N, C-alpha and C. Protein backbone atom coordinates (compact mmCIF):
# COMPACT_ATOMS: atom_id res chain seq x y z
N MET A 1 133.83 109.45 35.54
CA MET A 1 132.65 109.37 36.25
C MET A 1 133.56 107.80 37.04
N CYS A 2 132.93 107.34 38.02
CA CYS A 2 133.08 106.19 38.63
C CYS A 2 132.18 105.96 39.85
N PRO A 3 132.12 104.69 40.72
CA PRO A 3 131.79 104.84 41.97
C PRO A 3 132.38 105.88 42.94
N ALA A 4 131.61 106.20 43.67
CA ALA A 4 131.86 107.31 44.81
C ALA A 4 133.37 107.20 45.48
N THR A 5 133.13 105.46 45.76
CA THR A 5 134.26 105.09 46.80
C THR A 5 135.06 104.83 46.33
N ASN A 6 135.85 104.89 45.09
CA ASN A 6 137.04 104.88 44.42
C ASN A 6 137.69 105.44 44.84
N LYS A 7 139.04 104.88 45.34
CA LYS A 7 140.00 105.89 45.83
C LYS A 7 141.12 106.85 44.62
N ARG A 8 140.65 105.65 43.57
CA ARG A 8 142.21 107.15 42.49
C ARG A 8 140.82 108.63 42.63
N LEU A 9 139.67 108.21 42.46
CA LEU A 9 138.96 109.47 42.01
C LEU A 9 139.03 110.53 43.14
N GLN A 10 138.75 109.59 44.38
CA GLN A 10 139.40 110.38 45.60
C GLN A 10 140.64 111.20 45.61
N ALA A 11 141.40 110.64 45.08
CA ALA A 11 142.84 110.85 45.15
C ALA A 11 143.00 112.24 43.92
N VAL A 12 142.38 111.72 42.88
CA VAL A 12 142.47 113.27 41.92
C VAL A 12 141.82 114.45 42.58
N VAL A 13 141.06 114.16 43.41
CA VAL A 13 139.99 115.09 43.56
C VAL A 13 140.47 115.93 44.84
N SER A 14 140.94 115.17 45.60
CA SER A 14 142.59 115.57 46.86
C SER A 14 143.39 116.35 46.28
N SER A 15 144.03 116.02 45.42
CA SER A 15 145.31 116.39 44.39
C SER A 15 144.97 117.99 43.93
N CYS A 16 143.42 117.86 43.53
CA CYS A 16 143.18 118.82 42.76
C CYS A 16 143.19 120.27 43.58
N ARG A 17 142.52 119.45 44.47
CA ARG A 17 142.07 120.59 45.80
C ARG A 17 143.66 121.17 46.60
N ASN A 18 144.22 120.47 46.86
CA ASN A 18 145.92 120.85 47.29
C ASN A 18 146.21 121.71 46.55
N THR A 19 146.18 121.89 44.84
CA THR A 19 146.89 122.58 44.55
C THR A 19 145.70 123.88 43.59
N SER A 20 145.03 123.61 44.47
CA SER A 20 144.06 125.10 44.47
C SER A 20 143.30 124.66 42.82
N LEU A 21 143.36 124.01 42.42
CA LEU A 21 142.21 123.54 40.25
C LEU A 21 140.83 123.44 41.23
N PRO A 22 140.23 124.26 40.61
CA PRO A 22 139.01 124.09 40.85
C PRO A 22 138.66 123.07 40.09
N VAL A 23 137.56 122.07 41.48
CA VAL A 23 137.08 120.91 40.92
C VAL A 23 135.50 120.82 41.28
N ARG A 24 134.59 120.24 40.95
CA ARG A 24 133.58 119.90 41.62
C ARG A 24 133.02 118.57 41.60
N VAL A 25 132.61 117.86 42.60
CA VAL A 25 132.39 116.58 42.74
C VAL A 25 130.47 116.46 42.51
N LEU A 26 130.07 116.08 41.24
CA LEU A 26 128.53 115.93 41.11
C LEU A 26 128.24 114.46 41.26
N ASP A 27 126.85 114.52 41.72
CA ASP A 27 125.96 113.68 42.19
C ASP A 27 125.45 112.88 40.81
N PRO A 28 124.54 111.73 40.70
CA PRO A 28 124.10 111.68 39.38
C PRO A 28 123.34 112.57 39.20
N LYS A 29 122.28 113.30 39.79
CA LYS A 29 121.46 114.17 39.28
C LYS A 29 122.33 115.23 38.59
N GLN A 30 123.17 116.15 39.17
CA GLN A 30 123.78 116.95 38.98
C GLN A 30 124.70 116.44 38.01
N VAL A 31 125.12 115.41 37.66
CA VAL A 31 125.70 114.56 36.04
C VAL A 31 124.82 115.05 34.68
N GLU A 32 123.60 114.20 35.17
CA GLU A 32 122.61 114.21 34.06
C GLU A 32 122.26 115.97 33.87
N GLU A 33 122.48 116.74 34.84
CA GLU A 33 121.79 118.28 34.73
C GLU A 33 122.95 119.14 33.83
N HIS A 34 124.40 118.59 33.81
CA HIS A 34 125.39 119.09 33.43
C HIS A 34 125.78 119.17 32.37
N PHE A 35 125.40 117.63 32.23
CA PHE A 35 125.76 116.99 30.35
C PHE A 35 123.88 117.27 29.60
N ASP A 36 123.21 117.59 30.07
CA ASP A 36 122.03 117.87 29.42
C ASP A 36 121.43 116.41 29.10
N GLY A 37 121.45 115.79 29.92
CA GLY A 37 120.60 114.11 29.79
C GLY A 37 121.63 113.26 29.38
N ARG A 38 122.57 113.30 28.71
CA ARG A 38 123.22 112.39 28.45
C ARG A 38 124.06 111.24 28.69
N PHE A 39 124.06 111.80 30.38
CA PHE A 39 124.75 110.68 31.10
C PHE A 39 123.70 110.56 32.40
N HIS A 40 123.82 108.83 32.39
CA HIS A 40 122.78 108.81 33.48
C HIS A 40 123.40 107.42 34.79
N LEU A 41 124.00 108.30 35.62
CA LEU A 41 125.06 107.34 36.39
C LEU A 41 123.96 106.93 37.58
N PRO A 42 124.72 105.34 37.94
CA PRO A 42 123.95 104.50 38.93
C PRO A 42 124.17 105.50 40.29
N GLU A 43 122.86 105.43 40.97
CA GLU A 43 123.40 106.28 41.95
C GLU A 43 124.50 106.16 43.01
N ASP A 44 125.05 105.29 43.22
CA ASP A 44 126.18 105.50 44.07
C ASP A 44 127.37 105.59 43.35
N TRP A 45 127.45 106.45 41.95
CA TRP A 45 128.51 107.02 41.27
C TRP A 45 128.35 108.53 41.15
N VAL A 46 130.11 108.85 41.06
CA VAL A 46 129.87 110.40 40.70
C VAL A 46 130.36 111.16 39.48
N GLY A 47 130.46 111.97 39.27
CA GLY A 47 130.81 112.79 38.44
C GLY A 47 132.16 113.84 38.68
N VAL A 48 133.53 114.04 37.76
CA VAL A 48 134.03 114.91 38.43
C VAL A 48 134.14 116.06 37.13
N VAL A 49 134.20 117.62 37.55
CA VAL A 49 134.57 118.26 37.01
C VAL A 49 135.04 119.36 36.99
N THR A 50 136.35 119.96 35.98
CA THR A 50 136.93 120.84 36.54
C THR A 50 137.24 121.81 35.19
N GLU A 51 137.06 123.09 35.16
CA GLU A 51 136.93 124.44 34.19
C GLU A 51 137.83 123.72 32.99
N PHE A 52 138.91 122.84 33.69
CA PHE A 52 139.68 122.78 31.94
C PHE A 52 139.54 121.18 31.47
N SER A 53 138.14 120.75 31.85
CA SER A 53 137.63 119.61 31.50
C SER A 53 137.37 119.82 29.94
N GLY A 54 137.46 118.36 29.02
CA GLY A 54 136.57 118.50 27.57
C GLY A 54 136.39 116.70 27.20
N VAL A 55 135.91 117.04 25.77
CA VAL A 55 135.81 116.14 25.35
C VAL A 55 136.64 115.21 24.20
N ILE A 56 137.11 114.24 24.07
CA ILE A 56 137.89 113.48 22.79
C ILE A 56 137.14 112.56 22.06
N LYS A 57 138.04 112.19 21.45
CA LYS A 57 137.76 111.16 20.45
C LYS A 57 137.23 109.93 21.00
N ALA A 58 136.47 109.43 20.63
CA ALA A 58 136.03 107.73 20.59
C ALA A 58 137.60 106.72 20.78
N THR A 59 137.96 107.43 19.32
CA THR A 59 139.29 106.43 19.55
C THR A 59 140.37 106.76 20.29
N LYS A 60 140.42 107.91 20.23
CA LYS A 60 141.71 108.26 21.37
C LYS A 60 141.23 107.55 22.85
N VAL A 61 140.05 107.42 23.29
CA VAL A 61 139.73 107.27 24.83
C VAL A 61 140.18 105.90 24.48
N VAL A 62 139.94 104.81 23.63
CA VAL A 62 140.21 103.53 23.52
C VAL A 62 141.73 103.11 23.45
N SER A 63 142.95 104.22 22.79
CA SER A 63 144.25 104.13 22.59
C SER A 63 144.31 104.38 24.35
N MET A 64 143.83 105.48 24.86
CA MET A 64 144.41 105.56 26.12
C MET A 64 143.81 104.39 27.04
N PHE A 65 143.44 103.92 27.00
CA PHE A 65 142.73 102.77 28.16
C PHE A 65 143.95 101.86 27.54
N GLN A 66 144.16 101.39 26.18
CA GLN A 66 144.92 100.35 26.24
C GLN A 66 146.25 100.66 26.88
N SER A 67 146.97 101.83 26.64
CA SER A 67 147.98 102.35 27.30
C SER A 67 148.14 102.52 28.66
N LEU A 68 146.65 102.76 29.12
CA LEU A 68 146.84 102.64 30.98
C LEU A 68 146.69 101.36 31.42
N ALA A 69 146.18 100.26 30.63
CA ALA A 69 145.69 99.17 31.03
C ALA A 69 147.63 98.54 30.79
N LEU A 70 148.29 98.94 29.78
CA LEU A 70 149.63 98.28 29.93
C LEU A 70 150.13 98.44 30.94
N ASN A 71 150.40 100.08 30.90
CA ASN A 71 151.10 100.70 32.21
C ASN A 71 150.54 100.45 33.32
N MET A 72 150.11 100.00 33.46
CA MET A 72 149.40 99.46 35.13
C MET A 72 149.35 97.86 35.47
N ALA A 73 150.34 97.46 34.00
CA ALA A 73 150.31 95.76 33.93
C ALA A 73 148.68 95.25 34.42
N ARG A 74 148.27 95.07 34.47
CA ARG A 74 146.33 94.71 33.96
C ARG A 74 145.73 94.16 32.79
N LEU A 75 146.69 94.42 31.94
CA LEU A 75 146.11 93.67 30.39
C LEU A 75 147.40 93.69 29.59
N SER A 76 147.12 92.63 28.46
CA SER A 76 148.21 92.56 27.88
C SER A 76 147.48 93.41 26.70
N GLU A 77 148.27 94.04 25.59
CA GLU A 77 147.52 94.78 24.58
C GLU A 77 147.21 93.55 23.34
N THR A 78 147.54 92.31 23.39
CA THR A 78 147.20 91.31 22.45
C THR A 78 146.00 90.68 22.64
N THR A 79 145.82 90.74 23.65
CA THR A 79 144.35 90.26 24.57
C THR A 79 142.78 90.97 24.32
N TRP A 80 143.15 92.12 24.07
CA TRP A 80 142.07 93.14 24.46
C TRP A 80 142.16 93.99 22.48
N ARG A 81 140.49 93.75 22.34
CA ARG A 81 140.28 94.37 21.27
C ARG A 81 139.31 94.90 21.33
N LEU A 82 138.99 96.10 19.90
CA LEU A 82 137.72 96.82 19.92
C LEU A 82 137.00 95.63 19.25
N THR A 83 136.12 95.31 19.90
CA THR A 83 134.58 94.59 19.86
C THR A 83 133.43 95.22 18.93
N ALA A 84 133.37 95.99 19.47
CA ALA A 84 131.56 97.23 19.08
C ALA A 84 132.25 98.61 18.72
N TRP A 85 131.55 99.31 18.08
CA TRP A 85 131.61 100.62 17.67
C TRP A 85 130.03 101.20 17.31
N ARG A 86 129.36 101.65 18.08
CA ARG A 86 127.49 101.53 18.12
C ARG A 86 127.46 103.55 18.02
N GLU A 87 126.71 103.61 17.10
CA GLU A 87 126.46 105.06 17.58
C GLU A 87 125.12 105.13 18.29
N THR A 88 125.21 105.95 19.41
CA THR A 88 124.28 106.20 20.01
C THR A 88 123.30 107.22 19.81
N ILE A 89 121.91 107.04 20.05
CA ILE A 89 121.05 108.18 19.75
C ILE A 89 120.59 108.83 21.37
N GLY A 90 120.35 109.60 21.82
CA GLY A 90 119.79 110.04 23.05
C GLY A 90 120.46 109.90 24.28
N ARG A 91 119.89 109.61 24.89
CA ARG A 91 120.68 109.48 26.04
C ARG A 91 121.69 107.90 26.43
N VAL A 92 122.76 108.35 26.89
CA VAL A 92 123.34 107.47 26.76
C VAL A 92 123.20 106.04 28.19
N ALA A 93 123.74 105.18 27.92
CA ALA A 93 123.13 103.85 28.91
C ALA A 93 124.17 104.19 30.48
N SER A 94 123.94 103.59 30.91
CA SER A 94 124.63 103.18 32.60
C SER A 94 126.03 102.91 32.34
N PRO A 95 126.89 103.28 33.10
CA PRO A 95 128.05 101.89 32.56
C PRO A 95 128.20 100.64 33.08
N SER A 96 128.45 99.60 32.57
CA SER A 96 128.55 98.45 32.05
C SER A 96 128.79 97.73 34.22
N PRO A 97 128.31 96.87 34.71
CA PRO A 97 128.56 96.39 35.83
C PRO A 97 129.63 95.28 35.35
N HIS A 98 130.26 94.82 34.32
CA HIS A 98 130.47 93.93 33.74
C HIS A 98 132.57 94.25 33.98
N LYS A 99 133.28 93.40 34.57
CA LYS A 99 134.68 93.97 34.66
C LYS A 99 135.39 93.60 33.85
N ALA A 100 134.66 92.91 32.79
CA ALA A 100 135.96 92.55 31.54
C ALA A 100 135.09 92.96 30.47
N GLU A 101 134.83 94.55 30.77
CA GLU A 101 134.81 95.24 29.55
C GLU A 101 134.87 96.72 29.75
N ILE A 102 135.20 97.41 29.06
CA ILE A 102 135.88 98.91 29.23
C ILE A 102 135.03 99.42 28.12
N SER A 103 134.34 100.13 28.48
CA SER A 103 133.32 101.29 27.62
C SER A 103 133.37 102.49 27.68
N SER A 104 133.91 103.29 26.23
CA SER A 104 133.57 104.56 26.42
C SER A 104 132.73 105.34 25.62
N TRP A 105 132.31 106.33 25.85
CA TRP A 105 131.31 107.17 25.24
C TRP A 105 132.22 108.63 24.76
N ALA A 106 131.73 109.13 23.70
CA ALA A 106 132.78 110.27 23.35
C ALA A 106 131.65 110.86 22.04
N GLY A 107 130.92 112.21 22.55
CA GLY A 107 129.53 112.58 21.86
C GLY A 107 128.93 111.22 21.34
N PRO A 108 128.50 111.33 19.98
CA PRO A 108 127.43 110.12 19.89
C PRO A 108 127.98 108.39 19.58
N ALA A 109 129.45 108.83 19.37
CA ALA A 109 129.79 107.58 19.50
C ALA A 109 130.18 106.68 20.60
N ARG A 110 130.32 105.19 20.78
CA ARG A 110 130.49 104.38 21.92
C ARG A 110 131.60 103.53 21.38
N ALA A 111 132.45 103.26 22.30
CA ALA A 111 133.76 102.38 21.96
C ALA A 111 133.45 101.22 22.89
N ILE A 112 133.80 99.88 22.36
CA ILE A 112 134.06 98.71 23.97
C ILE A 112 135.05 97.70 23.32
N MET A 113 135.80 97.89 24.69
CA MET A 113 136.49 96.87 24.03
C MET A 113 136.77 95.38 25.51
N ARG A 114 137.16 94.11 24.98
CA ARG A 114 137.25 92.95 25.40
C ARG A 114 137.74 92.23 25.52
N PRO A 115 137.92 91.50 26.39
CA PRO A 115 139.32 90.35 26.12
C PRO A 115 139.23 89.69 25.15
């Protein structure tokens, strides 16, 4: 889930389609319906779903973000740390507009990382 104009997301969708991997691009209303109201996206965002997608533990998401950040040479592992771990009830909030924060959700848990 990210802005519809995100070039990497567009590349993922294109790659899926070029390799005949079933993929659906959902608008915010479709995302909300698909996930039973658990996600509410900004109007200019989309969600991408394949039959091979799934849910992973929030701790794995944090580890993945750290790994991606290091591999993409964007962040130093020592400058980012887990600053919050929250249990969420009901609907998950929209993604943060702040670029200096990484939030991830997995089930009822939310992990927040900041520099």
